[in-house]
Amino acid sequence: SNEAHADRPVQSAREKAIRQRLKDDLE
């Protein structure tokens, strides 16, 4: 989405885990 925000509230523990791996693992 062109209007997306990376800093919006985390919606669930699963989403938080997904975001954390994306933040920590460049590959």
PDB file of all heavy atoms in Angstrom:
ATOM      1  N   SER A   1       0.854  -1.185   0.000  1.00  0.00           N
ATOM      2  CA  SER A   1       0.000   0.000   0.000  1.00  0.00           C
ATOM      3  C   SER A   1       0.883   1.227   0.000  1.00  0.00           C
ATOM      4  O   SER A   1       1.874   1.295   0.712  1.00  0.00           O
ATOM      5  CB  SER A   1      -0.908   0.027   1.233  1.00  0.00           C
ATOM      6  OG  SER A   1      -1.509   1.302   1.389  1.00  0.00           O
ATOM      7  N   ASN A   2       0.516   2.242  -0.780  1.00  0.00           N
ATOM      8  CA  ASN A   2       1.305   3.465  -0.832  1.00  0.00           C
ATOM      9  C   ASN A   2       1.135   4.310   0.419  1.00  0.00           C
ATOM     10  O   ASN A   2       1.933   5.191   0.703  1.00  0.00           O
ATOM     11  CB  ASN A   2       0.927   4.289  -2.063  1.00  0.00           C
ATOM     12  CG  ASN A   2       1.417   3.671  -3.348  1.00  0.00           C
ATOM     13  OD1 ASN A   2       2.409   2.957  -3.335  1.00  0.00           O
ATOM     14  ND2 ASN A   2       0.729   3.920  -4.440  1.00  0.00           N
ATOM     15  N   GLU A   3       0.080   4.089   1.194  1.00  0.00           N
ATOM     16  CA  GLU A   3      -0.172   4.887   2.386  1.00  0.00           C
ATOM     17  C   GLU A   3       0.146   4.145   3.666  1.00  0.00           C
ATOM     18  O   GLU A   3      -0.274   4.541   4.748  1.00  0.00           O
ATOM     19  CB  GLU A   3      -1.647   5.338   2.422  1.00  0.00           C
ATOM     20  CG  GLU A   3      -1.991   6.424   1.413  1.00  0.00           C
ATOM     21  CD  GLU A   3      -2.058   5.909  -0.010  1.00  0.00           C
ATOM     22  OE1 GLU A   3      -2.590   4.811  -0.212  1.00  0.00           O
ATOM     23  OE2 GLU A   3      -1.564   6.593  -0.903  1.00  0.00           O
ATOM     24  N   ALA A   4       0.864   3.038   3.573  1.00  0.00           N
ATOM     25  CA  ALA A   4       1.104   2.211   4.754  1.00  0.00           C
ATOM     26  C   ALA A   4       2.053   2.883   5.730  1.00  0.00           C
ATOM     27  O   ALA A   4       2.870   3.697   5.360  1.00  0.00           O
ATOM     28  CB  ALA A   4       1.674   0.868   4.333  1.00  0.00           C
ATOM     29  N   HIS A   5       1.947   2.503   7.009  1.00  0.00           N
ATOM     30  CA  HIS A   5       2.802   3.029   8.063  1.00  0.00           C
ATOM     31  C   HIS A   5       3.445   1.871   8.791  1.00  0.00           C
ATOM     32  O   HIS A   5       2.744   1.026   9.346  1.00  0.00           O
ATOM     33  CB  HIS A   5       1.991   3.868   9.060  1.00  0.00           C
ATOM     34  CG  HIS A   5       1.417   5.112   8.449  1.00  0.00           C
ATOM     35  ND1 HIS A   5       1.931   6.358   8.686  1.00  0.00           N
ATOM     36  CD2 HIS A   5       0.394   5.294   7.584  1.00  0.00           C
ATOM     37  CE1 HIS A   5       1.233   7.265   8.016  1.00  0.00           C
ATOM     38  NE2 HIS A   5       0.302   6.638   7.346  1.00  0.00           N
ATOM     39  N   ALA A   6       4.777   1.855   8.836  1.00  0.00           N
ATOM     40  CA  ALA A   6       5.476   0.784   9.539  1.00  0.00           C
ATOM     41  C   ALA A   6       5.339   0.913  11.041  1.00  0.00           C
ATOM     42  O   ALA A   6       5.507  -0.055  11.766  1.00  0.00           O
ATOM     43  CB  ALA A   6       6.946   0.773   9.147  1.00  0.00           C
ATOM     44  N   ASP A   7       5.014   2.131  11.546  1.00  0.00           N
ATOM     45  CA  ASP A   7       4.967   2.339  12.984  1.00  0.00           C
ATOM     46  C   ASP A   7       3.545   2.300  13.549  1.00  0.00           C
ATOM     47  O   ASP A   7       3.288   2.804  14.629  1.00  0.00           O
ATOM     48  CB  ASP A   7       5.643   3.662  13.345  1.00  0.00           C
ATOM     49  CG  ASP A   7       5.072   4.838  12.564  1.00  0.00           C
ATOM     50  OD1 ASP A   7       4.291   4.599  11.612  1.00  0.00           O
ATOM     51  OD2 ASP A   7       5.403   5.977  12.922  1.00  0.00           O
ATOM     52  N   ARG A   8       2.591   1.702  12.826  1.00  0.00           N
ATOM     53  CA  ARG A   8       1.241   1.572  13.362  1.00  0.00           C
ATOM     54  C   ARG A   8       1.227   0.534  14.480  1.00  0.00           C
ATOM     55  O   ARG A   8       2.127  -0.301  14.569  1.00  0.00           O
ATOM     56  CB  ARG A   8       0.262   1.178  12.258  1.00  0.00           C
ATOM     57  CG  ARG A   8       0.555  -0.170  11.609  1.00  0.00           C
ATOM     58  CD  ARG A   8      -0.379  -0.410  10.433  1.00  0.00           C
ATOM     59  NE  ARG A   8      -0.062  -1.634   9.730  1.00  0.00           N
ATOM     60  CZ  ARG A   8      -0.457  -2.831  10.106  1.00  0.00           C
ATOM     61  NH1 ARG A   8      -1.168  -2.979  11.213  1.00  0.00           N
ATOM     62  NH2 ARG A   8      -0.141  -3.894   9.405  1.00  0.00           N
ATOM     63  N   PRO A   9       0.204   0.521  15.361  1.00  0.00           N
ATOM     64  CA  PRO A   9       0.184  -0.414  16.486  1.00  0.00           C
ATOM     65  C   PRO A   9       0.216  -1.871  16.038  1.00  0.00           C
ATOM     66  O   PRO A   9      -0.378  -2.245  15.030  1.00  0.00           O
ATOM     67  CB  PRO A   9      -1.142  -0.085  17.184  1.00  0.00           C
ATOM     68  CG  PRO A   9      -1.450   1.319  16.775  1.00  0.00           C
ATOM     69  CD  PRO A   9      -0.925   1.450  15.374  1.00  0.00           C
ATOM     70  N   VAL A  10       0.931  -2.686  16.767  1.00  0.00           N
ATOM     71  CA  VAL A  10       0.980  -4.115  16.480  1.00  0.00           C
ATOM     72  C   VAL A  10      -0.374  -4.733  16.815  1.00  0.00           C
ATOM     73  O   VAL A  10      -0.929  -4.498  17.892  1.00  0.00           O
ATOM     74  CB  VAL A  10       2.098  -4.792  17.303  1.00  0.00           C
ATOM     75  CG1 VAL A  10       2.070  -6.291  17.099  1.00  0.00           C
ATOM     76  CG2 VAL A  10       3.450  -4.210  16.909  1.00  0.00           C
ATOM     77  N   GLN A  11      -0.905  -5.530  15.900  1.00  0.00           N
ATOM     78  CA  GLN A  11      -2.255  -6.058  16.064  1.00  0.00           C
ATOM     79  C   GLN A  11      -2.310  -7.390  16.797  1.00  0.00           C
ATOM     80  O   GLN A  11      -3.336  -7.738  17.357  1.00  0.00           O
ATOM     81  CB  GLN A  11      -2.903  -6.223  14.677  1.00  0.00           C
ATOM     82  CG  GLN A  11      -3.022  -4.910  13.909  1.00  0.00           C
ATOM     83  CD  GLN A  11      -3.876  -3.910  14.649  1.00  0.00           C
ATOM     84  OE1 GLN A  11      -4.990  -4.207  15.077  1.00  0.00           O
ATOM     85  NE2 GLN A  11      -3.345  -2.708  14.833  1.00  0.00           N
ATOM     86  N   SER A  12      -1.247  -8.139  16.780  1.00  0.00           N
ATOM     87  CA  SER A  12      -1.281  -9.454  17.412  1.00  0.00           C
ATOM     88  C   SER A  12       0.135  -9.907  17.723  1.00  0.00           C
ATOM     89  O   SER A  12       1.112  -9.354  17.189  1.00  0.00           O
ATOM     90  CB  SER A  12      -1.942 -10.481  16.486  1.00  0.00           C
ATOM     91  OG  SER A  12      -1.126 -10.723  15.359  1.00  0.00           O
ATOM     92  N   ALA A  13       0.243 -10.940  18.581  1.00  0.00           N
ATOM     93  CA  ALA A  13       1.558 -11.497  18.898  1.00  0.00           C
ATOM     94  C   ALA A  13       2.191 -12.096  17.644  1.00  0.00           C
ATOM     95  O   ALA A  13       3.407 -12.017  17.453  1.00  0.00           O
ATOM     96  CB  ALA A  13       1.419 -12.556  19.982  1.00  0.00           C
ATOM     97  N   ARG A  14       1.360 -12.697  16.794  1.00  0.00           N
ATOM     98  CA  ARG A  14       1.890 -13.297  15.566  1.00  0.00           C
ATOM     99  C   ARG A  14       2.448 -12.226  14.639  1.00  0.00           C
ATOM    100  O   ARG A  14       3.521 -12.387  14.062  1.00  0.00           O
ATOM    101  CB  ARG A  14       0.788 -14.080  14.864  1.00  0.00           C
ATOM    102  CG  ARG A  14       1.252 -14.790  13.586  1.00  0.00           C
ATOM    103  CD  ARG A  14       0.203 -15.798  13.126  1.00  0.00           C
ATOM    104  NE  ARG A  14       0.644 -16.466  11.915  1.00  0.00           N
ATOM    105  CZ  ARG A  14       0.225 -16.130  10.690  1.00  0.00           C
ATOM    106  NH1 ARG A  14      -0.629 -15.148  10.529  1.00  0.00           N
ATOM    107  NH2 ARG A  14       0.667 -16.791   9.635  1.00  0.00           N
ATOM    108  N   GLU A  15       1.712 -11.126  14.495  1.00  0.00           N
ATOM    109  CA  GLU A  15       2.196 -10.037  13.667  1.00  0.00           C
ATOM    110  C   GLU A  15       3.482  -9.455  14.243  1.00  0.00           C
ATOM    111  O   GLU A  15       4.419  -9.138  13.503  1.00  0.00           O
ATOM    112  CB  GLU A  15       1.138  -8.933  13.571  1.00  0.00           C
ATOM    113  CG  GLU A  15       1.577  -7.771  12.698  1.00  0.00           C
ATOM    114  CD  GLU A  15       0.498  -6.719  12.578  1.00  0.00           C
ATOM    115  OE1 GLU A  15      -0.561  -7.013  11.986  1.00  0.00           O
ATOM    116  OE2 GLU A  15       0.720  -5.610  13.100  1.00  0.00           O
ATOM    117  N   LYS A  16       3.557  -9.338  15.551  1.00  0.00           N
ATOM    118  CA  LYS A  16       4.765  -8.823  16.192  1.00  0.00           C
ATOM    119  C   LYS A  16       5.959  -9.714  15.890  1.00  0.00           C
ATOM    120  O   LYS A  16       7.063  -9.229  15.608  1.00  0.00           O
ATOM    121  CB  LYS A  16       4.550  -8.721  17.701  1.00  0.00           C
ATOM    122  CG  LYS A  16       5.741  -8.145  18.452  1.00  0.00           C
ATOM    123  CD  LYS A  16       5.446  -8.021  19.946  1.00  0.00           C
ATOM    124  CE  LYS A  16       6.658  -7.454  20.684  1.00  0.00           C
ATOM    125  NZ  LYS A  16       6.397  -7.334  22.145  1.00  0.00           N
ATOM    126  N   ALA A  17       5.749 -11.037  15.946  1.00  0.00           N
ATOM    127  CA  ALA A  17       6.839 -11.971  15.661  1.00  0.00           C
ATOM    128  C   ALA A  17       7.290 -11.863  14.210  1.00  0.00           C
ATOM    129  O   ALA A  17       8.492 -11.925  13.907  1.00  0.00           O
ATOM    130  CB  ALA A  17       6.398 -13.398  15.971  1.00  0.00           C
ATOM    131  N   ILE A  18       6.328 -11.697  13.296  1.00  0.00           N
ATOM    132  CA  ILE A  18       6.659 -11.553  11.881  1.00  0.00           C
ATOM    133  C   ILE A  18       7.484 -10.290  11.659  1.00  0.00           C
ATOM    134  O   ILE A  18       8.524 -10.300  10.989  1.00  0.00           O
ATOM    135  CB  ILE A  18       5.375 -11.515  11.030  1.00  0.00           C
ATOM    136  CG1 ILE A  18       4.695 -12.886  11.025  1.00  0.00           C
ATOM    137  CG2 ILE A  18       5.692 -11.083   9.589  1.00  0.00           C
ATOM    138  CD1 ILE A  18       3.329 -12.879  10.385  1.00  0.00           C
ATOM    139  N   ARG A  19       7.018  -9.192  12.256  1.00  0.00           N
ATOM    140  CA  ARG A  19       7.725  -7.929  12.102  1.00  0.00           C
ATOM    141  C   ARG A  19       9.130  -8.002  12.711  1.00  0.00           C
ATOM    142  O   ARG A  19      10.086  -7.441  12.161  1.00  0.00           O
ATOM    143  CB  ARG A  19       6.922  -6.801  12.748  1.00  0.00           C
ATOM    144  CG  ARG A  19       5.671  -6.447  11.984  1.00  0.00           C
ATOM    145  CD  ARG A  19       4.907  -5.346  12.650  1.00  0.00           C
ATOM    146  NE  ARG A  19       5.695  -4.123  12.757  1.00  0.00           N
ATOM    147  CZ  ARG A  19       5.167  -2.913  12.942  1.00  0.00           C
ATOM    148  NH1 ARG A  19       3.861  -2.779  13.045  1.00  0.00           N
ATOM    149  NH2 ARG A  19       5.945  -1.859  13.039  1.00  0.00           N
ATOM    150  N   GLN A  20       9.260  -8.678  13.826  1.00  0.00           N
ATOM    151  CA  GLN A  20      10.562  -8.761  14.480  1.00  0.00           C
ATOM    152  C   GLN A  20      11.559  -9.519  13.620  1.00  0.00           C
ATOM    153  O   GLN A  20      12.723  -9.116  13.496  1.00  0.00           O
ATOM    154  CB  GLN A  20      10.435  -9.432  15.851  1.00  0.00           C
ATOM    155  CG  GLN A  20      11.687  -9.317  16.710  1.00  0.00           C
ATOM    156  CD  GLN A  20      12.020  -7.881  17.070  1.00  0.00           C
ATOM    157  OE1 GLN A  20      11.139  -7.128  17.481  1.00  0.00           O
ATOM    158  NE2 GLN A  20      13.282  -7.485  16.893  1.00  0.00           N
ATOM    159  N   ARG A  21      11.124 -10.619  13.003  1.00  0.00           N
ATOM    160  CA  ARG A  21      12.044 -11.359  12.139  1.00  0.00           C
ATOM    161  C   ARG A  21      12.433 -10.533  10.919  1.00  0.00           C
ATOM    162  O   ARG A  21      13.602 -10.540  10.501  1.00  0.00           O
ATOM    163  CB  ARG A  21      11.432 -12.687  11.699  1.00  0.00           C
ATOM    164  CG  ARG A  21      12.461 -13.515  10.906  1.00  0.00           C
ATOM    165  CD  ARG A  21      11.955 -14.846  10.452  1.00  0.00           C
ATOM    166  NE  ARG A  21      12.989 -15.522   9.684  1.00  0.00           N
ATOM    167  CZ  ARG A  21      12.796 -16.602   8.945  1.00  0.00           C
ATOM    168  NH1 ARG A  21      11.589 -17.163   8.899  1.00  0.00           N
ATOM    169  NH2 ARG A  21      13.798 -17.149   8.267  1.00  0.00           N
ATOM    170  N   LEU A  22      11.474  -9.810  10.354  1.00  0.00           N
ATOM    171  CA  LEU A  22      11.787  -8.957   9.214  1.00  0.00           C
ATOM    172  C   LEU A  22      12.774  -7.857   9.608  1.00  0.00           C
ATOM    173  O   LEU A  22      13.623  -7.463   8.807  1.00  0.00           O
ATOM    174  CB  LEU A  22      10.499  -8.337   8.654  1.00  0.00           C
ATOM    175  CG  LEU A  22       9.512  -9.308   8.002  1.00  0.00           C
ATOM    176  CD1 LEU A  22       8.204  -8.602   7.685  1.00  0.00           C
ATOM    177  CD2 LEU A  22      10.098  -9.942   6.744  1.00  0.00           C
ATOM    178  N   LYS A  23      12.667  -7.384  10.830  1.00  0.00           N
ATOM    179  CA  LYS A  23      13.578  -6.350  11.319  1.00  0.00           C
ATOM    180  C   LYS A  23      14.973  -6.896  11.589  1.00  0.00           C
ATOM    181  O   LYS A  23      15.976  -6.200  11.382  1.00  0.00           O
ATOM    182  CB  LYS A  23      13.007  -5.736  12.600  1.00  0.00           C
ATOM    183  CG  LYS A  23      13.863  -4.636  13.193  1.00  0.00           C
ATOM    184  CD  LYS A  23      13.218  -4.079  14.458  1.00  0.00           C
ATOM    185  CE  LYS A  23      14.089  -2.974  15.072  1.00  0.00           C
ATOM    186  NZ  LYS A  23      13.473  -2.432  16.307  1.00  0.00           N
ATOM    187  N   ASP A  24      15.067  -8.142  12.017  1.00  0.00           N
ATOM    188  CA  ASP A  24      16.340  -8.716  12.450  1.00  0.00           C
ATOM    189  C   ASP A  24      17.099  -9.455  11.355  1.00  0.00           C
ATOM    190  O   ASP A  24      18.311  -9.645  11.471  1.00  0.00           O
ATOM    191  CB  ASP A  24      16.104  -9.693  13.613  1.00  0.00           C
ATOM    192  CG  ASP A  24      15.603  -8.992  14.859  1.00  0.00           C
ATOM    193  OD1 ASP A  24      15.759  -7.760  14.957  1.00  0.00           O
ATOM    194  OD2 ASP A  24      15.031  -9.677  15.732  1.00  0.00           O
ATOM    195  N   ASP A  25      16.418  -9.917  10.317  1.00  0.00           N
ATOM    196  CA  ASP A  25      17.008 -10.831   9.336  1.00  0.00           C
ATOM    197  C   ASP A  25      16.899 -10.223   7.939  1.00  0.00           C
ATOM    198  O   ASP A  25      15.857 -10.321   7.289  1.00  0.00           O
ATOM    199  CB  ASP A  25      16.283 -12.180   9.407  1.00  0.00           C
ATOM    200  CG  ASP A  25      16.908 -13.244   8.520  1.00  0.00           C
ATOM    201  OD1 ASP A  25      17.666 -12.902   7.606  1.00  0.00           O
ATOM    202  OD2 ASP A  25      16.608 -14.442   8.747  1.00  0.00           O
ATOM    203  N   LEU A  26      17.967  -9.605   7.464  1.00  0.00           N
ATOM    204  CA  LEU A  26      17.930  -8.933   6.164  1.00  0.00           C
ATOM    205  C   LEU A  26      17.649  -9.898   5.023  1.00  0.00           C
ATOM    206  O   LEU A  26      16.874  -9.582   4.116  1.00  0.00           O
ATOM    207  CB  LEU A  26      19.251  -8.198   5.915  1.00  0.00           C
ATOM    208  CG  LEU A  26      19.437  -7.603   4.506  1.00  0.00           C
ATOM    209  CD1 LEU A  26      18.306  -6.660   4.150  1.00  0.00           C
ATOM    210  CD2 LEU A  26      20.783  -6.902   4.407  1.00  0.00           C
ATOM    211  N   GLU A  27      18.282 -11.057   5.030  1.00  0.00           N
ATOM    212  CA  GLU A  27      18.074 -11.988   3.913  1.00  0.00           C
ATOM    213  C   GLU A  27      16.613 -12.419   3.830  1.00  0.00           C
ATOM    214  O   GLU A  27      16.035 -12.499   2.742  1.00  0.00           O
ATOM    215  CB  GLU A  27      19.001 -13.197   4.051  1.00  0.00           C
ATOM    216  CG  GLU A  27      18.987 -14.096   2.831  1.00  0.00           C
ATOM    217  CD  GLU A  27      20.150 -15.060   2.765  1.00  0.00           C
ATOM    218  OE1 GLU A  27      21.013 -15.038   3.673  1.00  0.00           O
ATOM    219  OE2 GLU A  27      20.216 -15.835   1.790  1.00  0.00           O
TER     220      GLU A  27
END
